Amino acid sequence: MAVQAGVPVVPVALKNSDVLMGKGTGEAWPGTIDMVMLPPVDTSWVKSDDDLAALARQVQNSIMRELGIEKLSARHVKATGPQNRT
């Protein structure tokens, strides 16, 4: 959407959400979640799907740096929807 609108992406990092929200449980515990708005990322150079993928990596990397994450863990996505119908 940002690319189509010709505006920058503003990455947002949520700190402590992993501690206060029970992953996959639907539970939440009292505490403070800090929201850090990072510097805007220019999108004017995005012209192709490869550029869009590079933009996504750039935004993700800036959020990871803010959160002190060096590497993402593997995602285990449970497939649902029409592709599973037989």
Protein backbone atom coordinates (compact mmCIF):
# COMPACT_ATOMS: atom_id res chain seq x y z
CA MET A 1 0.00 0.00 0.00
CA ALA A 2 2.80 2.44 0.86
CA VAL A 3 4.49 1.82 -2.47
CA GLN A 4 1.25 2.40 -4.38
CA ALA A 5 0.57 5.57 -2.39
CA GLY A 6 4.14 6.80 -2.88
CA VAL A 7 4.77 7.20 0.85
CA PRO A 8 7.42 5.75 3.17
CA VAL A 9 6.89 2.73 5.40
CA VAL A 10 7.18 3.45 9.12
CA PRO A 11 8.39 0.31 10.90
CA VAL A 12 6.96 -0.25 14.38
CA ALA A 13 8.62 -2.51 16.96
CA LEU A 14 6.57 -3.83 19.89
CA LYS A 15 8.79 -4.59 22.87
CA ASN A 16 7.75 -7.07 25.59
CA SER A 17 4.76 -8.39 23.66
CA ASP A 18 6.43 -11.80 23.48
CA VAL A 19 6.65 -11.90 27.28
CA LEU A 20 3.17 -10.57 28.01
CA MET A 21 1.18 -12.44 25.37
CA GLY A 22 1.02 -16.21 25.64
CA LYS A 23 1.97 -17.48 22.18
CA GLY A 24 -0.93 -19.48 20.80
CA THR A 25 -2.81 -19.37 24.10
CA GLY A 26 -4.99 -16.31 23.65
CA GLU A 27 -3.85 -15.24 27.12
CA ALA A 28 -2.38 -11.89 28.09
CA TRP A 29 -0.70 -10.84 31.32
CA PRO A 30 -0.53 -7.37 32.85
CA GLY A 31 2.48 -5.29 31.97
CA THR A 32 3.77 -2.65 29.60
CA ILE A 33 4.32 -3.14 25.89
CA ASP A 34 6.55 -0.44 24.44
CA MET A 35 5.84 0.71 20.90
CA VAL A 36 8.89 2.12 19.12
CA MET A 37 8.32 3.96 15.85
CA LEU A 38 11.47 3.63 13.75
CA PRO A 39 12.69 6.02 11.04
CA PRO A 40 10.61 5.98 7.84
CA VAL A 41 11.87 3.78 4.99
CA ASP A 42 11.75 5.26 1.50
CA THR A 43 9.69 3.28 -1.04
CA SER A 44 10.24 5.39 -4.17
CA TRP A 45 12.84 2.92 -5.51
CA VAL A 46 10.46 -0.07 -5.46
CA LYS A 47 9.63 -0.98 -9.07
CA SER A 48 9.40 -4.79 -9.12
CA ASP A 49 8.44 -7.78 -7.00
CA ASP A 50 12.13 -8.31 -6.21
CA ASP A 51 12.37 -4.70 -5.01
CA LEU A 52 9.27 -5.23 -2.87
CA ALA A 53 10.83 -8.32 -1.30
CA ALA A 54 14.00 -6.30 -0.60
CA LEU A 55 11.90 -3.56 1.02
CA ALA A 56 10.17 -6.13 3.24
CA ARG A 57 13.57 -7.53 4.31
CA GLN A 58 14.86 -4.01 5.01
CA VAL A 59 11.85 -3.16 7.20
CA GLN A 60 11.98 -6.51 8.96
CA ASN A 61 15.71 -6.14 9.63
CA SER A 62 15.23 -2.68 11.17
CA ILE A 63 12.56 -4.06 13.53
CA MET A 64 14.75 -7.04 14.41
CA ARG A 65 17.69 -4.73 15.22
CA GLU A 66 15.48 -2.68 17.53
CA LEU A 67 14.28 -5.82 19.31
CA GLY A 68 17.76 -7.33 19.53
CA ILE A 69 16.82 -10.30 17.35
CA GLU A 70 19.62 -11.71 15.23
CA LYS A 71 17.79 -14.51 13.45
CA LEU A 72 14.17 -15.49 13.00
CA SER A 73 13.06 -18.88 14.17
CA ALA A 74 11.28 -21.16 11.72
CA ARG A 75 7.56 -20.54 11.35
CA HIS A 76 5.24 -23.46 11.51
CA VAL A 77 2.14 -22.41 9.61
CA LYS A 78 -0.90 -24.60 9.79
CA ALA A 79 -2.33 -24.69 6.29
CA THR A 80 -6.04 -23.92 6.08
CA GLY A 81 -8.41 -22.83 3.42
CA PRO A 82 -9.34 -23.89 -0.09
CA GLN A 83 -5.92 -25.33 -0.97
CA ASN A 84 -6.52 -28.20 1.51
CA ARG A 85 -9.90 -29.25 0.21
CA THR A 86 -10.06 -32.51 -1.67
